[in-house]
Amino acid sequence: MLDQNSTSREIRENKPKIAILGIGAIEQHGRHLRIATDWSQVRAISQAVAQELDARELDALLLPAIPYSMSECHGLMPGVVYLKPQTLSEVVMDIARSVRELGIPLMLILNGHGGNFILEPTIEKLNREYPDFQIIMPPEVWAPAEGGEAIFESFGAGIHAEEMETSMQLYLAPEYVGDEQVDVIPEVGREFLDYTVMKKISPDGIWGLPKLGKAEKGEKAILSSAKSIVAFVQKAQEVLR
């Protein structure tokens, strides 16, 4: 697997066919999870996908994940650092153009933050601009099921610092998971984050049931998600030929 620890010569000689770019976020995750939660999770899934592609002899270049994205919906809660939509779009476009100049024909974007609505139109624009270069992004990064069985008991009820994210953090970095886990299910839908900020909906910054989190669920989610994403890549390659 090629990544930031590879040399320029190794990348030139191995001629990777796909570049992987994860996009995370730096934002509050309640009292019990670190602000780097989204970033750490998208780094983990990006690495798992790169390793899975490598095992299938589909050489990939794993790029360092972008830590910042569109977290403005969290308002002024401590620890929130965000990019404006146009800034994120321009960063992705510059990276994509650089990857194309390297001669890599395909770039996979893994969106580790649900609020990044600017990514789809950005990808569409780039694919129109460069017909010899393709960018793809799966509609979902995290697989809620493994072998047809649900991984998370409360999937669909939570969107932030909930059972799923707590489980993945318990698997990836249990030393950074605090004991003050507060279950919160707001009385409004997710669309309200388009109208106001998280603090007004959930003062604790949580949307879901983190107390259901378990490390083994997090491990299953990451491994299952990696396989699902690789299947998406292979299907996309067939369709886009």
Foldseek 3Di string as FASTA:
>chain_A
DAEPPDDPVVCLVLVAQEEEEEEFAQDDFFDFFHSQLLQVLSLLLLVLLQVVCVVVVRHYYYYRYHREEAQCLQPPDPGGDHDDLVVVLVVVVVVQVVVVVSVHAEYEYEYSADPNPSVVVSQVVVCVVDVSHHYDYDPHQWDQADPPHGLDPWPPQWDGSAQQSLLLCCQVPVVRGDDPFDADRFPDDPCCSVVHHQCVRPVRNTGYHNVNHHNVSSVRGSNRSSVVVNVVVVVCVVVSD
